[in-house]
Amino acid sequence: MFWMVASLIGGVAFGFARRGSLSNLGRMVLRGTWMVWAGLGLQIVAFSRIGAAWPEWGRTVAHLGSYCFLAWFGWVNQRAPGLRIFVMGMVANILVIGANGGYMPVSAQALHRAGLDRVAEQLQKAEAANNSVLMGPSTHLKWLGDVFALPKGFPLANVFSVGDVLMGFALLLLISQGMVGRGWLGKKRQRARRS
């Protein structure tokens, strides 16, 4: 979830650059935040020692389910800045993961550019590691996989997908807009403002 950390940092920095305040984020009303925790929790468990004891189909369902929870959260909050883009990113990742047996395909070249040669070697030996599998001739929807890289030498150097880019941009937009007081206030608070 390197894209999430980068987007949080970028969103806060951009929000401050626009003379925003972190206190304004407290005014945002987002529904179903439990879906975010459920999605992240499912993914952590699926690729932990607990998930390792599950049958492969169980890990696949949990992995896809985690993205479905996050997409659902984006959908119910689609009026919030950037969350429609967030849903598009989630759908892109769900498609590529679903098309490749529940794993995110990753490019060996992207891993090399990010300085993650050990990960590439691990994927070559084990076929799959955590939620990733190395791209090969039988990989479907390659262009939606982890084909981009933040090069070695940069903080948080890692690989990422089109879906990650969309979700990262959406999160950056949500935070920066919220910090300048242009976040989604939700129906209850909008009614309170008018009265």
N, C-alpha and C. Protein backbone atom coordinates (compact mmCIF):
# COMPACT_ATOMS: atom_id res chain seq x y z
N MET A 1 0.83 -1.21 0.00
CA MET A 1 0.00 0.00 0.00
C MET A 1 0.87 1.27 0.00
N PHE A 2 1.99 1.17 -0.75
CA PHE A 2 2.90 2.31 -0.82
C PHE A 2 2.20 3.53 -1.38
N TRP A 3 1.25 3.32 -2.34
CA TRP A 3 0.53 4.44 -2.95
C TRP A 3 -0.26 5.21 -1.91
N MET A 4 -0.76 4.51 -0.88
CA MET A 4 -1.56 5.16 0.15
C MET A 4 -0.70 6.11 0.99
N VAL A 5 0.48 5.63 1.38
CA VAL A 5 1.40 6.46 2.18
C VAL A 5 1.82 7.69 1.36
N ALA A 6 2.21 7.46 0.09
CA ALA A 6 2.64 8.56 -0.77
C ALA A 6 1.53 9.57 -0.97
N SER A 7 0.30 9.10 -1.13
CA SER A 7 -0.84 9.99 -1.35
C SER A 7 -1.20 10.78 -0.10
N LEU A 8 -1.11 10.12 1.06
CA LEU A 8 -1.37 10.83 2.31
C LEU A 8 -0.38 11.98 2.50
N ILE A 9 0.90 11.67 2.28
CA ILE A 9 1.94 12.69 2.43
C ILE A 9 1.74 13.80 1.40
N GLY A 10 1.52 13.40 0.13
CA GLY A 10 1.31 14.37 -0.94
C GLY A 10 0.07 15.22 -0.73
N GLY A 11 -1.02 14.58 -0.29
CA GLY A 11 -2.27 15.31 -0.05
C GLY A 11 -2.13 16.36 1.03
N VAL A 12 -1.46 15.98 2.13
CA VAL A 12 -1.24 16.93 3.24
C VAL A 12 -0.33 18.07 2.78
N ALA A 13 0.75 17.74 2.05
CA ALA A 13 1.68 18.77 1.57
C ALA A 13 0.97 19.73 0.61
N PHE A 14 0.16 19.18 -0.31
CA PHE A 14 -0.57 20.01 -1.27
C PHE A 14 -1.62 20.84 -0.55
N GLY A 15 -2.26 20.25 0.46
CA GLY A 15 -3.25 20.99 1.25
C GLY A 15 -2.63 22.17 1.97
N PHE A 16 -1.45 21.98 2.57
CA PHE A 16 -0.75 23.08 3.24
C PHE A 16 -0.32 24.13 2.23
N ALA A 17 0.13 23.68 1.04
CA ALA A 17 0.54 24.62 -0.01
C ALA A 17 -0.63 25.51 -0.45
N ARG A 18 -1.84 24.99 -0.31
CA ARG A 18 -3.04 25.75 -0.67
C ARG A 18 -3.62 26.48 0.54
N ARG A 19 -2.81 26.60 1.59
CA ARG A 19 -3.19 27.29 2.83
C ARG A 19 -4.34 26.61 3.54
N GLY A 20 -4.37 25.30 3.46
CA GLY A 20 -5.39 24.53 4.15
C GLY A 20 -4.96 24.17 5.56
N SER A 21 -5.86 23.53 6.27
CA SER A 21 -5.60 23.15 7.66
C SER A 21 -6.08 21.72 7.89
N LEU A 22 -5.30 20.97 8.67
CA LEU A 22 -5.70 19.61 9.01
C LEU A 22 -7.01 19.57 9.79
N SER A 23 -7.30 20.63 10.53
CA SER A 23 -8.54 20.66 11.32
C SER A 23 -9.78 20.63 10.42
N ASN A 24 -9.64 21.12 9.19
CA ASN A 24 -10.78 21.09 8.26
C ASN A 24 -11.17 19.66 7.87
N LEU A 25 -10.22 18.74 7.94
CA LEU A 25 -10.52 17.35 7.59
C LEU A 25 -11.56 16.75 8.54
N GLY A 26 -11.58 17.25 9.77
CA GLY A 26 -12.55 16.76 10.75
C GLY A 26 -13.99 17.07 10.38
N ARG A 27 -14.18 18.02 9.47
CA ARG A 27 -15.54 18.38 9.06
C ARG A 27 -16.10 17.48 7.96
N MET A 28 -15.24 16.68 7.38
CA MET A 28 -15.69 15.79 6.31
C MET A 28 -16.50 14.64 6.89
N VAL A 29 -17.59 14.31 6.25
CA VAL A 29 -18.43 13.20 6.68
C VAL A 29 -18.40 12.12 5.60
N LEU A 30 -17.80 10.99 5.92
CA LEU A 30 -17.73 9.87 4.99
C LEU A 30 -18.48 8.69 5.59
N ARG A 31 -19.34 8.09 4.79
CA ARG A 31 -20.15 6.98 5.29
C ARG A 31 -19.40 5.66 5.15
N GLY A 32 -19.69 4.74 6.05
CA GLY A 32 -19.19 3.37 5.94
C GLY A 32 -17.69 3.22 6.06
N THR A 33 -17.07 4.00 6.96
CA THR A 33 -15.61 3.88 7.11
C THR A 33 -15.20 2.48 7.57
N TRP A 34 -16.15 1.73 8.14
CA TRP A 34 -15.86 0.35 8.55
C TRP A 34 -15.44 -0.50 7.35
N MET A 35 -15.90 -0.11 6.14
CA MET A 35 -15.55 -0.87 4.94
C MET A 35 -14.06 -0.77 4.63
N VAL A 36 -13.46 0.39 4.93
CA VAL A 36 -12.02 0.57 4.73
C VAL A 36 -11.26 -0.38 5.64
N TRP A 37 -11.66 -0.41 6.93
CA TRP A 37 -10.98 -1.28 7.89
C TRP A 37 -11.20 -2.75 7.55
N ALA A 38 -12.41 -3.07 7.09
CA ALA A 38 -12.71 -4.46 6.71
C ALA A 38 -11.85 -4.88 5.52
N GLY A 39 -11.74 -4.00 4.53
CA GLY A 39 -10.94 -4.30 3.34
C GLY A 39 -9.47 -4.48 3.66
N LEU A 40 -8.92 -3.55 4.44
CA LEU A 40 -7.50 -3.64 4.81
C LEU A 40 -7.25 -4.86 5.70
N GLY A 41 -8.17 -5.11 6.62
CA GLY A 41 -8.04 -6.27 7.51
C GLY A 41 -8.05 -7.58 6.76
N LEU A 42 -8.98 -7.70 5.79
CA LEU A 42 -9.06 -8.92 4.96
C LEU A 42 -7.75 -9.18 4.23
N GLN A 43 -7.17 -8.10 3.69
CA GLN A 43 -5.94 -8.27 2.93
C GLN A 43 -4.77 -8.67 3.83
N ILE A 44 -4.71 -8.07 5.01
CA ILE A 44 -3.63 -8.41 5.95
C ILE A 44 -3.74 -9.87 6.38
N VAL A 45 -4.96 -10.29 6.72
CA VAL A 45 -5.16 -11.67 7.18
C VAL A 45 -4.90 -12.67 6.05
N ALA A 46 -5.38 -12.36 4.85
CA ALA A 46 -5.25 -13.28 3.71
C ALA A 46 -3.79 -13.60 3.41
N PHE A 47 -2.89 -12.63 3.63
CA PHE A 47 -1.49 -12.84 3.29
C PHE A 47 -0.59 -12.91 4.53
N SER A 48 -1.20 -13.32 5.65
CA SER A 48 -0.45 -13.56 6.88
C SER A 48 -0.28 -15.07 7.05
N ARG A 49 0.25 -15.49 8.18
CA ARG A 49 0.38 -16.92 8.46
C ARG A 49 -0.98 -17.60 8.54
N ILE A 50 -1.97 -16.85 9.00
CA ILE A 50 -3.33 -17.41 9.08
C ILE A 50 -3.82 -17.74 7.67
N GLY A 51 -3.68 -16.77 6.76
CA GLY A 51 -4.12 -16.97 5.38
C GLY A 51 -3.33 -18.04 4.66
N ALA A 52 -2.08 -18.24 5.06
CA ALA A 52 -1.24 -19.26 4.42
C ALA A 52 -1.80 -20.66 4.63
N ALA A 53 -2.59 -20.84 5.70
CA ALA A 53 -3.19 -22.16 5.97
C ALA A 53 -4.50 -22.37 5.20
N TRP A 54 -5.00 -21.31 4.57
CA TRP A 54 -6.25 -21.42 3.83
C TRP A 54 -6.00 -22.06 2.47
N PRO A 55 -7.03 -22.64 1.86
CA PRO A 55 -6.87 -23.09 0.48
C PRO A 55 -6.69 -21.88 -0.44
N GLU A 56 -6.10 -22.09 -1.58
CA GLU A 56 -5.81 -20.97 -2.47
C GLU A 56 -7.05 -20.18 -2.86
N TRP A 57 -8.17 -20.89 -3.08
CA TRP A 57 -9.40 -20.18 -3.44
C TRP A 57 -9.86 -19.26 -2.32
N GLY A 58 -9.58 -19.64 -1.06
CA GLY A 58 -9.95 -18.80 0.09
C GLY A 58 -9.17 -17.50 0.10
N ARG A 59 -7.86 -17.57 -0.18
CA ARG A 59 -7.03 -16.36 -0.25
C ARG A 59 -7.47 -15.48 -1.41
N THR A 60 -7.82 -16.11 -2.54
CA THR A 60 -8.27 -15.35 -3.71
C THR A 60 -9.54 -14.58 -3.39
N VAL A 61 -10.51 -15.26 -2.77
CA VAL A 61 -11.77 -14.62 -2.41
C VAL A 61 -11.53 -13.47 -1.42
N ALA A 62 -10.66 -13.71 -0.43
CA ALA A 62 -10.36 -12.67 0.57
C ALA A 62 -9.66 -11.47 -0.08
N HIS A 63 -8.73 -11.74 -0.99
CA HIS A 63 -8.00 -10.65 -1.66
C HIS A 63 -8.94 -9.80 -2.50
N LEU A 64 -9.75 -10.47 -3.33
CA LEU A 64 -10.71 -9.74 -4.15
C LEU A 64 -11.75 -9.05 -3.28
N GLY A 65 -12.16 -9.73 -2.21
CA GLY A 65 -13.14 -9.15 -1.30
C GLY A 65 -12.64 -7.87 -0.65
N SER A 66 -11.34 -7.82 -0.34
CA SER A 66 -10.78 -6.63 0.28
C SER A 66 -10.92 -5.42 -0.65
N TYR A 67 -10.66 -5.64 -1.94
CA TYR A 67 -10.81 -4.55 -2.91
C TYR A 67 -12.28 -4.19 -3.11
N CYS A 68 -13.15 -5.19 -3.05
CA CYS A 68 -14.59 -4.92 -3.19
C CYS A 68 -15.10 -4.04 -2.05
N PHE A 69 -14.63 -4.29 -0.82
CA PHE A 69 -15.01 -3.45 0.31
C PHE A 69 -14.56 -2.00 0.07
N LEU A 70 -13.32 -1.83 -0.41
CA LEU A 70 -12.81 -0.49 -0.63
C LEU A 70 -13.54 0.22 -1.79
N ALA A 71 -13.85 -0.54 -2.83
CA ALA A 71 -14.62 0.03 -3.95
C ALA A 71 -16.02 0.43 -3.49
N TRP A 72 -16.62 -0.39 -2.66
CA TRP A 72 -17.95 -0.10 -2.12
C TRP A 72 -17.92 1.18 -1.29
N PHE A 73 -16.88 1.33 -0.47
CA PHE A 73 -16.72 2.56 0.31
C PHE A 73 -16.65 3.78 -0.63
N GLY A 74 -15.87 3.67 -1.68
CA GLY A 74 -15.76 4.76 -2.65
C GLY A 74 -17.09 5.06 -3.31
N TRP A 75 -17.84 3.99 -3.62
CA TRP A 75 -19.13 4.16 -4.30
C TRP A 75 -20.14 4.89 -3.42
N VAL A 76 -20.25 4.49 -2.14
CA VAL A 76 -21.26 5.13 -1.27
C VAL A 76 -20.87 6.57 -0.93
N ASN A 77 -19.60 6.92 -1.16
CA ASN A 77 -19.15 8.29 -0.91
C ASN A 77 -18.75 9.00 -2.19
N GLN A 78 -19.35 8.61 -3.31
CA GLN A 78 -18.89 9.11 -4.60
C GLN A 78 -19.03 10.62 -4.77
N ARG A 79 -19.83 11.28 -3.92
CA ARG A 79 -19.94 12.74 -4.03
C ARG A 79 -18.74 13.45 -3.40
N ALA A 80 -17.96 12.71 -2.62
CA ALA A 80 -16.77 13.30 -2.02
C ALA A 80 -15.71 13.52 -3.09
N PRO A 81 -14.87 14.57 -2.95
CA PRO A 81 -13.86 14.85 -3.98
C PRO A 81 -12.95 13.65 -4.25
N GLY A 82 -12.88 13.24 -5.50
CA GLY A 82 -11.94 12.20 -5.92
C GLY A 82 -12.41 10.77 -5.76
N LEU A 83 -13.53 10.52 -5.05
CA LEU A 83 -13.87 9.13 -4.77
C LEU A 83 -14.44 8.37 -5.97
N ARG A 84 -14.92 9.05 -6.98
CA ARG A 84 -15.31 8.35 -8.22
C ARG A 84 -14.05 7.82 -8.91
N ILE A 85 -13.00 8.62 -8.87
CA ILE A 85 -11.72 8.20 -9.43
C ILE A 85 -11.18 7.02 -8.63
N PHE A 86 -11.36 7.07 -7.30
CA PHE A 86 -10.94 5.98 -6.41
C PHE A 86 -11.61 4.67 -6.82
N VAL A 87 -12.91 4.73 -7.09
CA VAL A 87 -13.65 3.53 -7.50
C VAL A 87 -13.10 2.98 -8.81
N MET A 88 -12.79 3.87 -9.76
CA MET A 88 -12.22 3.42 -11.04
C MET A 88 -10.90 2.69 -10.82
N GLY A 89 -10.07 3.21 -9.91
CA GLY A 89 -8.80 2.55 -9.60
C GLY A 89 -9.00 1.20 -8.97
N MET A 90 -9.95 1.10 -8.05
CA MET A 90 -10.26 -0.17 -7.41
C MET A 90 -10.74 -1.20 -8.44
N VAL A 91 -11.63 -0.76 -9.32
CA VAL A 91 -12.16 -1.67 -10.35
C VAL A 91 -11.03 -2.17 -11.24
N ALA A 92 -10.10 -1.28 -11.61
CA ALA A 92 -8.95 -1.68 -12.44
C ALA A 92 -8.15 -2.77 -11.74
N ASN A 93 -7.90 -2.60 -10.43
CA ASN A 93 -7.13 -3.61 -9.69
C ASN A 93 -7.91 -4.90 -9.52
N ILE A 94 -9.22 -4.79 -9.28
CA ILE A 94 -10.06 -6.00 -9.15
C ILE A 94 -10.02 -6.80 -10.44
N LEU A 95 -10.11 -6.11 -11.58
CA LEU A 95 -10.10 -6.80 -12.87
C LEU A 95 -8.81 -7.58 -13.09
N VAL A 96 -7.67 -6.93 -12.87
CA VAL A 96 -6.39 -7.59 -13.16
C VAL A 96 -6.11 -8.70 -12.15
N ILE A 97 -6.47 -8.49 -10.90
CA ILE A 97 -6.26 -9.53 -9.88
C ILE A 97 -7.18 -10.71 -10.15
N GLY A 98 -8.43 -10.43 -10.47
CA GLY A 98 -9.38 -11.50 -10.78
C GLY A 98 -8.98 -12.30 -12.00
N ALA A 99 -8.41 -11.61 -12.99
CA ALA A 99 -8.01 -12.29 -14.24
C ALA A 99 -6.75 -13.12 -14.07
N ASN A 100 -6.05 -12.93 -12.94
CA ASN A 100 -4.78 -13.64 -12.73
C ASN A 100 -4.79 -14.47 -11.43
N GLY A 101 -5.92 -15.12 -11.20
CA GLY A 101 -6.02 -16.08 -10.11
C GLY A 101 -5.94 -15.51 -8.71
N GLY A 102 -6.29 -14.23 -8.55
CA GLY A 102 -6.28 -13.63 -7.22
C GLY A 102 -4.98 -12.95 -6.84
N TYR A 103 -4.05 -12.83 -7.78
CA TYR A 103 -2.76 -12.19 -7.51
C TYR A 103 -2.54 -11.01 -8.44
N MET A 104 -1.83 -10.01 -7.94
CA MET A 104 -1.47 -8.86 -8.76
C MET A 104 -0.20 -9.19 -9.54
N PRO A 105 -0.28 -9.20 -10.89
CA PRO A 105 0.94 -9.46 -11.67
C PRO A 105 1.89 -8.27 -11.63
N VAL A 106 3.18 -8.57 -11.49
CA VAL A 106 4.18 -7.52 -11.37
C VAL A 106 5.27 -7.74 -12.41
N SER A 107 5.71 -6.66 -13.01
CA SER A 107 6.75 -6.70 -14.04
C SER A 107 8.13 -6.83 -13.41
N ALA A 108 8.93 -7.75 -13.93
CA ALA A 108 10.31 -7.93 -13.44
C ALA A 108 11.13 -6.67 -13.70
N GLN A 109 10.88 -6.01 -14.85
CA GLN A 109 11.61 -4.77 -15.17
C GLN A 109 11.27 -3.66 -14.18
N ALA A 110 9.98 -3.57 -13.78
CA ALA A 110 9.58 -2.55 -12.82
C ALA A 110 10.22 -2.82 -11.46
N LEU A 111 10.28 -4.09 -11.06
CA LEU A 111 10.93 -4.45 -9.80
C LEU A 111 12.41 -4.07 -9.83
N HIS A 112 13.06 -4.30 -10.96
CA HIS A 112 14.48 -3.96 -11.11
C HIS A 112 14.68 -2.44 -11.00
N ARG A 113 13.82 -1.66 -11.69
CA ARG A 113 13.93 -0.20 -11.63
C ARG A 113 13.74 0.32 -10.20
N ALA A 114 12.88 -0.36 -9.43
CA ALA A 114 12.63 0.07 -8.06
C ALA A 114 13.68 -0.46 -7.08
N GLY A 115 14.64 -1.24 -7.60
CA GLY A 115 15.68 -1.79 -6.74
C GLY A 115 15.19 -2.97 -5.91
N LEU A 116 14.17 -3.66 -6.41
CA LEU A 116 13.57 -4.79 -5.69
C LEU A 116 13.94 -6.12 -6.36
N ASP A 117 15.22 -6.28 -6.65
CA ASP A 117 15.68 -7.50 -7.33
C ASP A 117 15.45 -8.75 -6.47
N ARG A 118 15.57 -8.60 -5.15
CA ARG A 118 15.34 -9.75 -4.26
C ARG A 118 13.90 -10.23 -4.35
N VAL A 119 12.98 -9.29 -4.47
CA VAL A 119 11.57 -9.65 -4.61
C VAL A 119 11.36 -10.39 -5.91
N ALA A 120 12.00 -9.92 -6.99
CA ALA A 120 11.90 -10.59 -8.29
C ALA A 120 12.42 -12.02 -8.20
N GLU A 121 13.55 -12.19 -7.52
CA GLU A 121 14.11 -13.55 -7.35
C GLU A 121 13.17 -14.44 -6.54
N GLN A 122 12.58 -13.88 -5.50
CA GLN A 122 11.64 -14.62 -4.66
C GLN A 122 10.42 -15.05 -5.48
N LEU A 123 9.93 -14.14 -6.31
CA LEU A 123 8.76 -14.46 -7.13
C LEU A 123 9.10 -15.52 -8.18
N GLN A 124 10.33 -15.47 -8.72
CA GLN A 124 10.74 -16.48 -9.69
C GLN A 124 10.83 -17.86 -9.07
N LYS A 125 11.27 -17.92 -7.81
CA LYS A 125 11.41 -19.21 -7.13
C LYS A 125 10.08 -19.76 -6.63
N ALA A 126 9.28 -18.86 -6.03
CA ALA A 126 8.06 -19.32 -5.36
C ALA A 126 6.80 -19.15 -6.20
N GLU A 127 6.91 -18.54 -7.36
CA GLU A 127 5.79 -18.26 -8.26
C GLU A 127 4.89 -17.15 -7.74
N ALA A 128 4.58 -17.14 -6.44
CA ALA A 128 3.76 -16.08 -5.85
C ALA A 128 4.30 -15.74 -4.47
N ALA A 129 4.23 -14.47 -4.13
CA ALA A 129 4.65 -14.02 -2.80
C ALA A 129 3.66 -12.96 -2.35
N ASN A 130 3.11 -13.19 -1.17
CA ASN A 130 2.06 -12.31 -0.66
C ASN A 130 0.95 -12.18 -1.70
N ASN A 131 0.70 -10.96 -2.19
CA ASN A 131 -0.40 -10.80 -3.14
C ASN A 131 0.07 -10.61 -4.57
N SER A 132 1.33 -10.94 -4.85
CA SER A 132 1.91 -10.70 -6.18
C SER A 132 2.40 -11.96 -6.86
N VAL A 133 2.41 -11.91 -8.18
CA VAL A 133 2.97 -12.98 -9.00
C VAL A 133 3.72 -12.32 -10.15
N LEU A 134 4.82 -12.91 -10.56
CA LEU A 134 5.64 -12.34 -11.63
C LEU A 134 4.93 -12.47 -12.97
N MET A 135 4.97 -11.43 -13.77
CA MET A 135 4.34 -11.47 -15.11
C MET A 135 5.05 -12.48 -15.99
N GLY A 136 4.26 -13.11 -16.83
CA GLY A 136 4.80 -14.08 -17.79
C GLY A 136 3.94 -14.12 -19.03
N PRO A 137 4.18 -15.06 -19.92
CA PRO A 137 3.41 -15.14 -21.18
C PRO A 137 1.92 -15.37 -20.96
N SER A 138 1.55 -16.01 -19.86
CA SER A 138 0.13 -16.31 -19.63
C SER A 138 -0.59 -15.25 -18.80
N THR A 139 0.10 -14.15 -18.48
CA THR A 139 -0.51 -13.08 -17.68
C THR A 139 -1.57 -12.36 -18.50
N HIS A 140 -2.73 -12.13 -17.87
CA HIS A 140 -3.83 -11.41 -18.50
C HIS A 140 -3.83 -9.95 -18.06
N LEU A 141 -4.27 -9.08 -18.95
CA LEU A 141 -4.40 -7.64 -18.67
C LEU A 141 -3.11 -7.05 -18.08
N LYS A 142 -1.99 -7.37 -18.70
CA LYS A 142 -0.68 -6.93 -18.19
C LYS A 142 -0.62 -5.43 -17.92
N TRP A 143 -1.24 -4.65 -18.80
CA TRP A 143 -1.15 -3.19 -18.68
C TRP A 143 -1.81 -2.65 -17.41
N LEU A 144 -2.65 -3.48 -16.76
CA LEU A 144 -3.27 -3.07 -15.50
C LEU A 144 -2.48 -3.55 -14.28
N GLY A 145 -1.42 -4.33 -14.50
CA GLY A 145 -0.61 -4.85 -13.40
C GLY A 145 0.38 -3.82 -12.88
N ASP A 146 1.27 -4.26 -12.00
CA ASP A 146 2.31 -3.39 -11.44
C ASP A 146 3.42 -3.23 -12.47
N VAL A 147 3.23 -2.28 -13.38
CA VAL A 147 4.19 -2.07 -14.47
C VAL A 147 4.98 -0.77 -14.31
N PHE A 148 4.59 0.06 -13.35
CA PHE A 148 5.29 1.32 -13.10
C PHE A 148 6.17 1.17 -11.87
N ALA A 149 7.20 2.01 -11.81
CA ALA A 149 8.10 1.94 -10.66
C ALA A 149 8.55 3.33 -10.24
N LEU A 150 8.60 3.54 -8.93
CA LEU A 150 9.30 4.70 -8.39
C LEU A 150 10.73 4.23 -8.23
N PRO A 151 11.68 4.83 -8.99
CA PRO A 151 13.03 4.26 -9.07
C PRO A 151 13.77 4.19 -7.74
N LYS A 152 14.69 3.25 -7.70
CA LYS A 152 15.58 3.06 -6.55
C LYS A 152 16.27 4.39 -6.25
N GLY A 153 16.39 4.70 -4.98
CA GLY A 153 17.00 5.97 -4.58
C GLY A 153 15.97 6.97 -4.08
N PHE A 154 14.72 6.82 -4.56
CA PHE A 154 13.65 7.68 -4.07
C PHE A 154 13.09 7.08 -2.78
N PRO A 155 12.59 7.93 -1.87
CA PRO A 155 11.91 7.37 -0.70
C PRO A 155 10.69 6.58 -1.15
N LEU A 156 10.39 5.49 -0.49
CA LEU A 156 9.24 4.63 -0.79
C LEU A 156 9.31 3.99 -2.17
N ALA A 157 10.52 3.81 -2.72
CA ALA A 157 10.67 3.19 -4.04
C ALA A 157 9.92 1.87 -4.08
N ASN A 158 9.04 1.72 -5.07
CA ASN A 158 8.21 0.52 -5.16
C ASN A 158 7.60 0.45 -6.55
N VAL A 159 6.84 -0.62 -6.79
CA VAL A 159 6.12 -0.78 -8.05
C VAL A 159 4.64 -0.50 -7.83
N PHE A 160 3.96 -0.10 -8.90
CA PHE A 160 2.55 0.23 -8.75
C PHE A 160 1.84 0.09 -10.10
N SER A 161 0.51 0.10 -10.03
CA SER A 161 -0.33 -0.14 -11.20
C SER A 161 -1.11 1.10 -11.61
N VAL A 162 -1.81 1.00 -12.74
CA VAL A 162 -2.72 2.07 -13.18
C VAL A 162 -3.76 2.33 -12.09
N GLY A 163 -4.31 1.24 -11.53
CA GLY A 163 -5.30 1.38 -10.47
C GLY A 163 -4.75 2.11 -9.26
N ASP A 164 -3.49 1.82 -8.91
CA ASP A 164 -2.85 2.49 -7.78
C ASP A 164 -2.70 3.98 -8.05
N VAL A 165 -2.36 4.34 -9.30
CA VAL A 165 -2.21 5.75 -9.67
C VAL A 165 -3.54 6.48 -9.49
N LEU A 166 -4.62 5.86 -9.98
CA LEU A 166 -5.94 6.47 -9.86
C LEU A 166 -6.35 6.62 -8.39
N MET A 167 -6.14 5.57 -7.60
CA MET A 167 -6.51 5.62 -6.19
C MET A 167 -5.65 6.64 -5.44
N GLY A 168 -4.37 6.68 -5.76
CA GLY A 168 -3.48 7.64 -5.12
C GLY A 168 -3.88 9.07 -5.42
N PHE A 169 -4.19 9.35 -6.70
CA PHE A 169 -4.62 10.69 -7.08
C PHE A 169 -5.92 11.06 -6.37
N ALA A 170 -6.84 10.08 -6.27
CA ALA A 170 -8.12 10.32 -5.61
C ALA A 170 -7.92 10.67 -4.14
N LEU A 171 -7.05 9.93 -3.45
CA LEU A 171 -6.79 10.18 -2.04
C LEU A 171 -6.12 11.54 -1.84
N LEU A 172 -5.17 11.87 -2.72
CA LEU A 172 -4.50 13.17 -2.67
C LEU A 172 -5.53 14.29 -2.82
N LEU A 173 -6.45 14.13 -3.79
CA LEU A 173 -7.48 15.14 -4.04
C LEU A 173 -8.41 15.28 -2.85
N LEU A 174 -8.84 14.14 -2.29
CA LEU A 174 -9.75 14.15 -1.14
C LEU A 174 -9.13 14.89 0.05
N ILE A 175 -7.87 14.59 0.35
CA ILE A 175 -7.21 15.22 1.49
C ILE A 175 -6.97 16.71 1.25
N SER A 176 -6.42 17.04 0.08
CA SER A 176 -6.10 18.45 -0.17
C SER A 176 -7.36 19.31 -0.24
N GLN A 177 -8.42 18.79 -0.86
CA GLN A 177 -9.69 19.54 -0.93
C GLN A 177 -10.30 19.67 0.46
N GLY A 178 -10.21 18.60 1.24
CA GLY A 178 -10.73 18.65 2.60
C GLY A 178 -9.99 19.66 3.46
N MET A 179 -8.69 19.76 3.28
CA MET A 179 -7.88 20.69 4.08
C MET A 179 -8.20 22.15 3.80
N VAL A 180 -8.61 22.46 2.58
CA VAL A 180 -8.96 23.85 2.25
C VAL A 180 -10.45 24.12 2.46
N GLY A 181 -11.13 23.15 3.09
CA GLY A 181 -12.54 23.35 3.43
C GLY A 181 -13.49 23.10 2.29
N ARG A 182 -13.02 22.36 1.26
CA ARG A 182 -13.90 22.06 0.14
C ARG A 182 -14.21 20.58 0.07
N GLY A 183 -14.10 19.94 1.19
CA GLY A 183 -14.44 18.53 1.25
C GLY A 183 -15.94 18.34 1.30
N TRP A 184 -16.37 17.11 1.11
CA TRP A 184 -17.78 16.77 1.15
C TRP A 184 -18.25 16.81 2.58
N LEU A 185 -19.28 17.61 2.87
CA LEU A 185 -19.75 17.74 4.24
C LEU A 185 -20.85 16.75 4.58
N GLY A 186 -21.43 16.13 3.58
CA GLY A 186 -22.52 15.19 3.86
C GLY A 186 -23.84 15.91 4.02
N LYS A 187 -24.96 15.19 3.84
CA LYS A 187 -26.28 15.80 3.84
C LYS A 187 -26.62 16.48 5.16
N LYS A 188 -26.34 15.83 6.29
CA LYS A 188 -26.71 16.38 7.59
C LYS A 188 -26.04 17.72 7.83
N ARG A 189 -24.74 17.80 7.56
CA ARG A 189 -24.02 19.04 7.84
C ARG A 189 -24.37 20.12 6.82
N GLN A 190 -24.67 19.72 5.57
CA GLN A 190 -25.08 20.72 4.59
C GLN A 190 -26.39 21.36 5.01
N ARG A 191 -27.34 20.55 5.52
CA ARG A 191 -28.63 21.09 5.99
C ARG A 191 -28.40 22.01 7.18
N ALA A 192 -27.47 21.61 8.09
CA ALA A 192 -27.20 22.44 9.27
C ALA A 192 -26.60 23.78 8.86
N ARG A 193 -25.79 23.80 7.81
CA ARG A 193 -25.17 25.04 7.34
C ARG A 193 -26.21 25.99 6.78
N ARG A 194 -27.18 25.42 6.03
CA ARG A 194 -28.20 26.26 5.39
C ARG A 194 -29.10 26.91 6.42
N SER A 195 -29.39 26.19 7.52
CA SER A 195 -30.33 26.72 8.53
C SER A 195 -29.66 27.74 9.45
